[in-house]
Amino acid sequence: MRVEFVDQLPPKRPGRGSDAFMEEFAAALRRRPGVWAKWPTPIQASTAGGYTTKILKGVFPAFPSGFDATSRNGQLYVRYVGRRVADGRA
């Protein structure tokens, strides 16, 4: 077996999960509080469910407490509400 070791990791490519992408999307949501928005890039249904959980728990740095998320028919929807939403999703 050949193992290739590296001194440094290559830089991350910007994409749908990048910090810059998420910060930009979160900033847009903050400008329209309470309004649902579709996740702006295509993702798989299983990813939509995972992202929903991570957004609700504040795992992504761009989406701390104050964001609500839900997944419907494989599509991820996110909104900024200014504080954690306990229930009553639209």
PDB file of N, CA and C in Angstrom:
ATOM      1  N   MET A   1       0.849  -1.167   0.000  1.00  0.00           N
ATOM      2  CA  MET A   1       0.000   0.000   0.000  1.00  0.00           C
ATOM      3  C   MET A   1       0.898   1.234   0.000  1.00  0.00           C
ATOM      4  N   ARG A   2       0.536   2.185  -0.833  1.00  0.00           N
ATOM      5  CA  ARG A   2       1.280   3.441  -0.912  1.00  0.00           C
ATOM      6  C   ARG A   2       0.507   4.512  -0.141  1.00  0.00           C
ATOM      7  N   VAL A   3       1.151   5.141   0.800  1.00  0.00           N
ATOM      8  CA  VAL A   3       0.532   6.205   1.593  1.00  0.00           C
ATOM      9  C   VAL A   3       1.225   7.513   1.244  1.00  0.00           C
ATOM     10  N   GLU A   4       0.436   8.528   0.898  1.00  0.00           N
ATOM     11  CA  GLU A   4       0.993   9.830   0.562  1.00  0.00           C
ATOM     12  C   GLU A   4       0.735  10.799   1.712  1.00  0.00           C
ATOM     13  N   PHE A   5       1.795  11.256   2.327  1.00  0.00           N
ATOM     14  CA  PHE A   5       1.697  12.227   3.409  1.00  0.00           C
ATOM     15  C   PHE A   5       1.877  13.624   2.844  1.00  0.00           C
ATOM     16  N   VAL A   6       1.224  14.604   3.458  1.00  0.00           N
ATOM     17  CA  VAL A   6       1.317  15.987   2.996  1.00  0.00           C
ATOM     18  C   VAL A   6       1.695  16.886   4.158  1.00  0.00           C
ATOM     19  N   ASP A   7       2.416  17.952   3.854  1.00  0.00           N
ATOM     20  CA  ASP A   7       2.801  18.907   4.888  1.00  0.00           C
ATOM     21  C   ASP A   7       1.658  19.838   5.243  1.00  0.00           C
ATOM     22  N   GLN A   8       0.825  20.181   4.244  1.00  0.00           N
ATOM     23  CA  GLN A   8      -0.294  21.084   4.457  1.00  0.00           C
ATOM     24  C   GLN A   8      -1.499  20.621   3.653  1.00  0.00           C
ATOM     25  N   LEU A   9      -2.673  20.936   4.166  1.00  0.00           N
ATOM     26  CA  LEU A   9      -3.893  20.659   3.414  1.00  0.00           C
ATOM     27  C   LEU A   9      -4.076  21.738   2.358  1.00  0.00           C
ATOM     28  N   PRO A  10      -4.653  21.384   1.226  1.00  0.00           N
ATOM     29  CA  PRO A  10      -4.940  22.420   0.232  1.00  0.00           C
ATOM     30  C   PRO A  10      -6.039  23.339   0.739  1.00  0.00           C
ATOM     31  N   PRO A  11      -6.114  24.566   0.215  1.00  0.00           N
ATOM     32  CA  PRO A  11      -7.187  25.467   0.662  1.00  0.00           C
ATOM     33  C   PRO A  11      -8.550  24.933   0.258  1.00  0.00           C
ATOM     34  N   LYS A  12      -9.552  25.251   1.072  1.00  0.00           N
ATOM     35  CA  LYS A  12     -10.925  24.845   0.753  1.00  0.00           C
ATOM     36  C   LYS A  12     -11.419  25.645  -0.433  1.00  0.00           C
ATOM     37  N   ARG A  13     -12.184  24.988  -1.275  1.00  0.00           N
ATOM     38  CA  ARG A  13     -12.833  25.686  -2.379  1.00  0.00           C
ATOM     39  C   ARG A  13     -14.146  26.259  -1.873  1.00  0.00           C
ATOM     40  N   PRO A  14     -14.449  27.519  -2.213  1.00  0.00           N
ATOM     41  CA  PRO A  14     -15.757  28.055  -1.822  1.00  0.00           C
ATOM     42  C   PRO A  14     -16.866  27.223  -2.439  1.00  0.00           C
ATOM     43  N   GLY A  15     -17.902  27.014  -1.701  1.00  0.00           N
ATOM     44  CA  GLY A  15     -19.026  26.233  -2.203  1.00  0.00           C
ATOM     45  C   GLY A  15     -20.203  26.373  -1.285  1.00  0.00           C
ATOM     46  N   ARG A  16     -21.158  25.473  -1.422  1.00  0.00           N
ATOM     47  CA  ARG A  16     -22.400  25.620  -0.667  1.00  0.00           C
ATOM     48  C   ARG A  16     -22.215  25.448   0.828  1.00  0.00           C
ATOM     49  N   GLY A  17     -21.142  24.820   1.275  1.00  0.00           N
ATOM     50  CA  GLY A  17     -20.924  24.651   2.699  1.00  0.00           C
ATOM     51  C   GLY A  17     -19.826  25.545   3.247  1.00  0.00           C
ATOM     52  N   SER A  18     -19.302  26.437   2.410  1.00  0.00           N
ATOM     53  CA  SER A  18     -18.197  27.281   2.859  1.00  0.00           C
ATOM     54  C   SER A  18     -18.682  28.344   3.836  1.00  0.00           C
ATOM     55  N   ASP A  19     -17.760  28.809   4.666  1.00  0.00           N
ATOM     56  CA  ASP A  19     -18.089  29.853   5.636  1.00  0.00           C
ATOM     57  C   ASP A  19     -18.584  31.114   4.937  1.00  0.00           C
ATOM     58  N   ALA A  20     -17.904  31.518   3.865  1.00  0.00           N
ATOM     59  CA  ALA A  20     -18.290  32.748   3.158  1.00  0.00           C
ATOM     60  C   ALA A  20     -19.690  32.626   2.569  1.00  0.00           C
ATOM     61  N   PHE A  21     -19.996  31.476   1.986  1.00  0.00           N
ATOM     62  CA  PHE A  21     -21.311  31.244   1.404  1.00  0.00           C
ATOM     63  C   PHE A  21     -22.388  31.335   2.482  1.00  0.00           C
ATOM     64  N   MET A  22     -22.163  30.659   3.609  1.00  0.00           N
ATOM     65  CA  MET A  22     -23.159  30.649   4.681  1.00  0.00           C
ATOM     66  C   MET A  22     -23.303  32.025   5.321  1.00  0.00           C
ATOM     67  N   GLU A  23     -22.201  32.744   5.495  1.00  0.00           N
ATOM     68  CA  GLU A  23     -22.265  34.097   6.062  1.00  0.00           C
ATOM     69  C   GLU A  23     -23.084  35.020   5.159  1.00  0.00           C
ATOM     70  N   GLU A  24     -22.885  34.900   3.860  1.00  0.00           N
ATOM     71  CA  GLU A  24     -23.630  35.732   2.912  1.00  0.00           C
ATOM     72  C   GLU A  24     -25.128  35.418   2.966  1.00  0.00           C
ATOM     73  N   PHE A  25     -25.464  34.137   3.020  1.00  0.00           N
ATOM     74  CA  PHE A  25     -26.866  33.723   3.082  1.00  0.00           C
ATOM     75  C   PHE A  25     -27.492  34.182   4.407  1.00  0.00           C
ATOM     76  N   ALA A  26     -26.768  34.002   5.518  1.00  0.00           N
ATOM     77  CA  ALA A  26     -27.275  34.417   6.832  1.00  0.00           C
ATOM     78  C   ALA A  26     -27.499  35.931   6.871  1.00  0.00           C
ATOM     79  N   ALA A  27     -26.608  36.682   6.264  1.00  0.00           N
ATOM     80  CA  ALA A  27     -26.756  38.142   6.231  1.00  0.00           C
ATOM     81  C   ALA A  27     -28.014  38.537   5.458  1.00  0.00           C
ATOM     82  N   ALA A  28     -28.283  37.854   4.362  1.00  0.00           N
ATOM     83  CA  ALA A  28     -29.495  38.136   3.584  1.00  0.00           C
ATOM     84  C   ALA A  28     -30.743  37.831   4.403  1.00  0.00           C
ATOM     85  N   LEU A  29     -30.723  36.757   5.172  1.00  0.00           N
ATOM     86  CA  LEU A  29     -31.871  36.403   6.015  1.00  0.00           C
ATOM     87  C   LEU A  29     -32.090  37.443   7.120  1.00  0.00           C
ATOM     88  N   ARG A  30     -31.007  37.951   7.670  1.00  0.00           N
ATOM     89  CA  ARG A  30     -31.130  38.969   8.725  1.00  0.00           C
ATOM     90  C   ARG A  30     -31.781  40.252   8.196  1.00  0.00           C
ATOM     91  N   ARG A  31     -31.604  40.525   6.917  1.00  0.00           N
ATOM     92  CA  ARG A  31     -32.207  41.723   6.326  1.00  0.00           C
ATOM     93  C   ARG A  31     -33.716  41.579   6.139  1.00  0.00           C
ATOM     94  N   ARG A  32     -34.231  40.340   6.206  1.00  0.00           N
ATOM     95  CA  ARG A  32     -35.676  40.109   6.061  1.00  0.00           C
ATOM     96  C   ARG A  32     -36.146  39.146   7.153  1.00  0.00           C
ATOM     97  N   PRO A  33     -36.129  39.591   8.406  1.00  0.00           N
ATOM     98  CA  PRO A  33     -36.493  38.703   9.514  1.00  0.00           C
ATOM     99  C   PRO A  33     -37.905  38.141   9.375  1.00  0.00           C
ATOM    100  N   GLY A  34     -38.013  36.868   9.736  1.00  0.00           N
ATOM    101  CA  GLY A  34     -39.310  36.199   9.734  1.00  0.00           C
ATOM    102  C   GLY A  34     -39.737  35.635   8.398  1.00  0.00           C
ATOM    103  N   VAL A  35     -38.991  35.904   7.342  1.00  0.00           N
ATOM    104  CA  VAL A  35     -39.369  35.443   6.001  1.00  0.00           C
ATOM    105  C   VAL A  35     -38.559  34.196   5.654  1.00  0.00           C
ATOM    106  N   TRP A  36     -39.258  33.134   5.270  1.00  0.00           N
ATOM    107  CA  TRP A  36     -38.597  31.890   4.874  1.00  0.00           C
ATOM    108  C   TRP A  36     -37.885  32.069   3.538  1.00  0.00           C
ATOM    109  N   ALA A  37     -36.727  31.449   3.405  1.00  0.00           N
ATOM    110  CA  ALA A  37     -35.979  31.442   2.149  1.00  0.00           C
ATOM    111  C   ALA A  37     -35.516  30.023   1.862  1.00  0.00           C
ATOM    112  N   LYS A  38     -35.551  29.657   0.584  1.00  0.00           N
ATOM    113  CA  LYS A  38     -35.018  28.356   0.185  1.00  0.00           C
ATOM    114  C   LYS A  38     -33.499  28.404   0.254  1.00  0.00           C
ATOM    115  N   TRP A  39     -32.904  27.272   0.601  1.00  0.00           N
ATOM    116  CA  TRP A  39     -31.447  27.163   0.553  1.00  0.00           C
ATOM    117  C   TRP A  39     -31.041  27.422  -0.892  1.00  0.00           C
ATOM    118  N   PRO A  40     -30.097  28.318  -1.127  1.00  0.00           N
ATOM    119  CA  PRO A  40     -29.863  28.811  -2.482  1.00  0.00           C
ATOM    120  C   PRO A  40     -29.125  27.887  -3.444  1.00  0.00           C
ATOM    121  N   THR A  41     -28.667  26.752  -2.993  1.00  0.00           N
ATOM    122  CA  THR A  41     -28.018  25.811  -3.908  1.00  0.00           C
ATOM    123  C   THR A  41     -28.665  24.442  -3.761  1.00  0.00           C
ATOM    124  N   PRO A  42     -28.620  23.633  -4.797  1.00  0.00           N
ATOM    125  CA  PRO A  42     -29.205  22.289  -4.703  1.00  0.00           C
ATOM    126  C   PRO A  42     -28.457  21.436  -3.677  1.00  0.00           C
ATOM    127  N   ILE A  43     -29.220  20.724  -2.860  1.00  0.00           N
ATOM    128  CA  ILE A  43     -28.643  19.757  -1.922  1.00  0.00           C
ATOM    129  C   ILE A  43     -29.518  18.518  -1.916  1.00  0.00           C
ATOM    130  N   GLN A  44     -28.949  17.408  -1.477  1.00  0.00           N
ATOM    131  CA  GLN A  44     -29.712  16.167  -1.398  1.00  0.00           C
ATOM    132  C   GLN A  44     -30.688  16.236  -0.226  1.00  0.00           C
ATOM    133  N   ALA A  45     -31.752  15.466  -0.314  1.00  0.00           N
ATOM    134  CA  ALA A  45     -32.773  15.468   0.737  1.00  0.00           C
ATOM    135  C   ALA A  45     -32.172  15.107   2.092  1.00  0.00           C
ATOM    136  N   SER A  46     -31.265  14.148   2.136  1.00  0.00           N
ATOM    137  CA  SER A  46     -30.647  13.766   3.410  1.00  0.00           C
ATOM    138  C   SER A  46     -29.787  14.902   3.960  1.00  0.00           C
ATOM    139  N   THR A  47     -29.167  15.670   3.095  1.00  0.00           N
ATOM    140  CA  THR A  47     -28.375  16.819   3.524  1.00  0.00           C
ATOM    141  C   THR A  47     -29.286  17.906   4.081  1.00  0.00           C
ATOM    142  N   ALA A  48     -30.437  18.102   3.462  1.00  0.00           N
ATOM    143  CA  ALA A  48     -31.390  19.113   3.935  1.00  0.00           C
ATOM    144  C   ALA A  48     -31.798  18.818   5.377  1.00  0.00           C
ATOM    145  N   GLY A  49     -32.068  17.572   5.679  1.00  0.00           N
ATOM    146  CA  GLY A  49     -32.435  17.196   7.046  1.00  0.00           C
ATOM    147  C   GLY A  49     -31.302  17.426   8.030  1.00  0.00           C
ATOM    148  N   GLY A  50     -30.092  17.089   7.632  1.00  0.00           N
ATOM    149  CA  GLY A  50     -28.931  17.300   8.492  1.00  0.00           C
ATOM    150  C   GLY A  50     -28.644  18.773   8.726  1.00  0.00           C
ATOM    151  N   TYR A  51     -28.759  19.577   7.666  1.00  0.00           N
ATOM    152  CA  TYR A  51     -28.547  21.019   7.796  1.00  0.00           C
ATOM    153  C   TYR A  51     -29.612  21.635   8.698  1.00  0.00           C
ATOM    154  N   THR A  52     -30.845  21.148   8.592  1.00  0.00           N
ATOM    155  CA  THR A  52     -31.921  21.651   9.456  1.00  0.00           C
ATOM    156  C   THR A  52     -31.524  21.507  10.920  1.00  0.00           C
ATOM    157  N   THR A  53     -31.097  20.325  11.289  1.00  0.00           N
ATOM    158  CA  THR A  53     -30.699  20.060  12.670  1.00  0.00           C
ATOM    159  C   THR A  53     -29.531  20.949  13.085  1.00  0.00           C
ATOM    160  N   LYS A  54     -28.525  21.070  12.225  1.00  0.00           N
ATOM    161  CA  LYS A  54     -27.344  21.868  12.567  1.00  0.00           C
ATOM    162  C   LYS A  54     -27.680  23.346  12.705  1.00  0.00           C
ATOM    163  N   ILE A  55     -28.577  23.842  11.872  1.00  0.00           N
ATOM    164  CA  ILE A  55     -28.976  25.253  11.980  1.00  0.00           C
ATOM    165  C   ILE A  55     -29.766  25.472  13.264  1.00  0.00           C
ATOM    166  N   LEU A  56     -30.704  24.581  13.567  1.00  0.00           N
ATOM    167  CA  LEU A  56     -31.505  24.729  14.783  1.00  0.00           C
ATOM    168  C   LEU A  56     -30.655  24.658  16.058  1.00  0.00           C
ATOM    169  N   LYS A  57     -29.584  23.865  16.012  1.00  0.00           N
ATOM    170  CA  LYS A  57     -28.712  23.731  17.182  1.00  0.00           C
ATOM    171  C   LYS A  57     -27.602  24.778  17.207  1.00  0.00           C
ATOM    172  N   GLY A  58     -27.510  25.608  16.176  1.00  0.00           N
ATOM    173  CA  GLY A  58     -26.478  26.630  16.134  1.00  0.00           C
ATOM    174  C   GLY A  58     -25.082  26.089  15.887  1.00  0.00           C
ATOM    175  N   VAL A  59     -24.995  24.946  15.212  1.00  0.00           N
ATOM    176  CA  VAL A  59     -23.697  24.315  14.955  1.00  0.00           C
ATOM    177  C   VAL A  59     -22.877  25.113  13.936  1.00  0.00           C
ATOM    178  N   PHE A  60     -23.523  25.612  12.893  1.00  0.00           N
ATOM    179  CA  PHE A  60     -22.812  26.405  11.891  1.00  0.00           C
ATOM    180  C   PHE A  60     -22.556  27.804  12.456  1.00  0.00           C
ATOM    181  N   PRO A  61     -21.319  28.287  12.447  1.00  0.00           N
ATOM    182  CA  PRO A  61     -21.020  29.618  12.990  1.00  0.00           C
ATOM    183  C   PRO A  61     -21.855  30.737  12.358  1.00  0.00           C
ATOM    184  N   ALA A  62     -22.204  30.604  11.094  1.00  0.00           N
ATOM    185  CA  ALA A  62     -22.994  31.638  10.415  1.00  0.00           C
ATOM    186  C   ALA A  62     -24.439  31.677  10.908  1.00  0.00           C
ATOM    187  N   PHE A  63     -24.903  30.600  11.539  1.00  0.00           N
ATOM    188  CA  PHE A  63     -26.290  30.487  11.982  1.00  0.00           C
ATOM    189  C   PHE A  63     -26.351  30.207  13.488  1.00  0.00           C
ATOM    190  N   PRO A  64     -26.014  31.197  14.310  1.00  0.00           N
ATOM    191  CA  PRO A  64     -26.132  30.994  15.753  1.00  0.00           C
ATOM    192  C   PRO A  64     -27.609  31.040  16.153  1.00  0.00           C
ATOM    193  N   SER A  65     -27.880  31.058  17.411  1.00  0.00           N
ATOM    194  CA  SER A  65     -29.253  31.156  17.890  1.00  0.00           C
ATOM    195  C   SER A  65     -29.949  32.331  17.221  1.00  0.00           C
ATOM    196  N   GLY A  66     -31.192  32.116  16.833  1.00  0.00           N
ATOM    197  CA  GLY A  66     -31.947  33.169  16.167  1.00  0.00           C
ATOM    198  C   GLY A  66     -32.380  32.782  14.771  1.00  0.00           C
ATOM    199  N   PHE A  67     -31.970  31.602  14.330  1.00  0.00           N
ATOM    200  CA  PHE A  67     -32.376  31.112  13.016  1.00  0.00           C
ATOM    201  C   PHE A  67     -33.277  29.899  13.181  1.00  0.00           C
ATOM    202  N   ASP A  68     -34.237  29.781  12.308  1.00  0.00           N
ATOM    203  CA  ASP A  68     -35.158  28.651  12.277  1.00  0.00           C
ATOM    204  C   ASP A  68     -34.953  27.949  10.954  1.00  0.00           C
ATOM    205  N   ALA A  69     -35.142  26.653  10.923  1.00  0.00           N
ATOM    206  CA  ALA A  69     -34.962  25.889   9.691  1.00  0.00           C
ATOM    207  C   ALA A  69     -35.931  24.720   9.682  1.00  0.00           C
ATOM    208  N   THR A  70     -36.332  24.341   8.488  1.00  0.00           N
ATOM    209  CA  THR A  70     -37.181  23.166   8.317  1.00  0.00           C
ATOM    210  C   THR A  70     -36.911  22.583   6.948  1.00  0.00           C
ATOM    211  N   SER A  71     -37.233  21.328   6.800  1.00  0.00           N
ATOM    212  CA  SER A  71     -37.059  20.631   5.523  1.00  0.00           C
ATOM    213  C   SER A  71     -38.417  20.103   5.090  1.00  0.00           C
ATOM    214  N   ARG A  72     -38.791  20.437   3.876  1.00  0.00           N
ATOM    215  CA  ARG A  72     -40.062  19.954   3.312  1.00  0.00           C
ATOM    216  C   ARG A  72     -39.799  19.372   1.930  1.00  0.00           C
ATOM    217  N   ASN A  73     -40.158  18.117   1.747  1.00  0.00           N
ATOM    218  CA  ASN A  73     -39.993  17.446   0.459  1.00  0.00           C
ATOM    219  C   ASN A  73     -38.569  17.549  -0.070  1.00  0.00           C
ATOM    220  N   GLY A  74     -37.594  17.432   0.824  1.00  0.00           N
ATOM    221  CA  GLY A  74     -36.192  17.457   0.425  1.00  0.00           C
ATOM    222  C   GLY A  74     -35.613  18.843   0.209  1.00  0.00           C
ATOM    223  N   GLN A  75     -36.406  19.875   0.413  1.00  0.00           N
ATOM    224  CA  GLN A  75     -35.940  21.258   0.242  1.00  0.00           C
ATOM    225  C   GLN A  75     -35.724  21.875   1.623  1.00  0.00           C
ATOM    226  N   LEU A  76     -34.617  22.566   1.793  1.00  0.00           N
ATOM    227  CA  LEU A  76     -34.302  23.229   3.053  1.00  0.00           C
ATOM    228  C   LEU A  76     -34.783  24.673   3.004  1.00  0.00           C
ATOM    229  N   TYR A  77     -35.482  25.093   4.076  1.00  0.00           N
ATOM    230  CA  TYR A  77     -35.960  26.466   4.220  1.00  0.00           C
ATOM    231  C   TYR A  77     -35.388  27.021   5.522  1.00  0.00           C
ATOM    232  N   VAL A  78     -34.943  28.268   5.470  1.00  0.00           N
ATOM    233  CA  VAL A  78     -34.336  28.899   6.640  1.00  0.00           C
ATOM    234  C   VAL A  78     -34.903  30.310   6.783  1.00  0.00           C
ATOM    235  N   ARG A  79     -35.027  30.767   8.036  1.00  0.00           N
ATOM    236  CA  ARG A  79     -35.427  32.152   8.279  1.00  0.00           C
ATOM    237  C   ARG A  79     -34.718  32.652   9.527  1.00  0.00           C
ATOM    238  N   TYR A  80     -34.587  33.956   9.605  1.00  0.00           N
ATOM    239  CA  TYR A  80     -34.031  34.600  10.786  1.00  0.00           C
ATOM    240  C   TYR A  80     -35.194  35.150  11.595  1.00  0.00           C
ATOM    241  N   VAL A  81     -35.221  34.828  12.876  1.00  0.00           N
ATOM    242  CA  VAL A  81     -36.318  35.277  13.730  1.00  0.00           C
ATOM    243  C   VAL A  81     -35.833  36.136  14.893  1.00  0.00           C
ATOM    244  N   GLY A  82     -34.539  36.250  15.060  1.00  0.00           N
ATOM    245  CA  GLY A  82     -34.003  37.100  16.122  1.00  0.00           C
ATOM    246  C   GLY A  82     -33.855  36.410  17.453  1.00  0.00           C
ATOM    247  N   ARG A  83     -34.466  35.284  17.614  1.00  0.00           N
ATOM    248  CA  ARG A  83     -34.334  34.480  18.817  1.00  0.00           C
ATOM    249  C   ARG A  83     -34.761  33.068  18.466  1.00  0.00           C
ATOM    250  N   ARG A  84     -34.440  32.124  19.299  1.00  0.00           N
ATOM    251  CA  ARG A  84     -34.774  30.722  19.031  1.00  0.00           C
ATOM    252  C   ARG A  84     -36.295  30.541  18.987  1.00  0.00           C
ATOM    253  N   VAL A  85     -36.784  29.867  17.972  1.00  0.00           N
ATOM    254  CA  VAL A  85     -38.207  29.579  17.850  1.00  0.00           C
ATOM    255  C   VAL A  85     -38.479  28.234  18.515  1.00  0.00           C
ATOM    256  N   ALA A  86     -39.353  28.239  19.511  1.00  0.00           N
ATOM    257  CA  ALA A  86     -39.654  27.005  20.230  1.00  0.00           C
ATOM    258  C   ALA A  86     -40.606  26.125  19.427  1.00  0.00           C
ATOM    259  N   ASP A  87     -41.591  26.709  18.802  1.00  0.00           N
ATOM    260  CA  ASP A  87     -42.529  25.957  17.992  1.00  0.00           C
ATOM    261  C   ASP A  87     -43.301  26.956  17.117  1.00  0.00           C
ATOM    262  N   GLY A  88     -44.324  26.492  16.490  1.00  0.00           N
ATOM    263  CA  GLY A  88     -45.157  27.384  15.688  1.00  0.00           C
ATOM    264  C   GLY A  88     -44.596  27.700  14.321  1.00  0.00           C
ATOM    265  N   ARG A  89     -43.857  26.746  13.743  1.00  0.00           N
ATOM    266  CA  ARG A  89     -43.342  26.971  12.396  1.00  0.00           C
ATOM    267  C   ARG A  89     -44.506  27.132  11.428  1.00  0.00           C
ATOM    268  N   ALA A  90     -44.319  27.995  10.488  1.00  0.00           N
ATOM    269  CA  ALA A  90     -45.366  28.223   9.472  1.00  0.00           C
ATOM    270  C   ALA A  90     -45.415  27.095   8.480  1.00  0.00           C
TER     271      ALA A  90
END
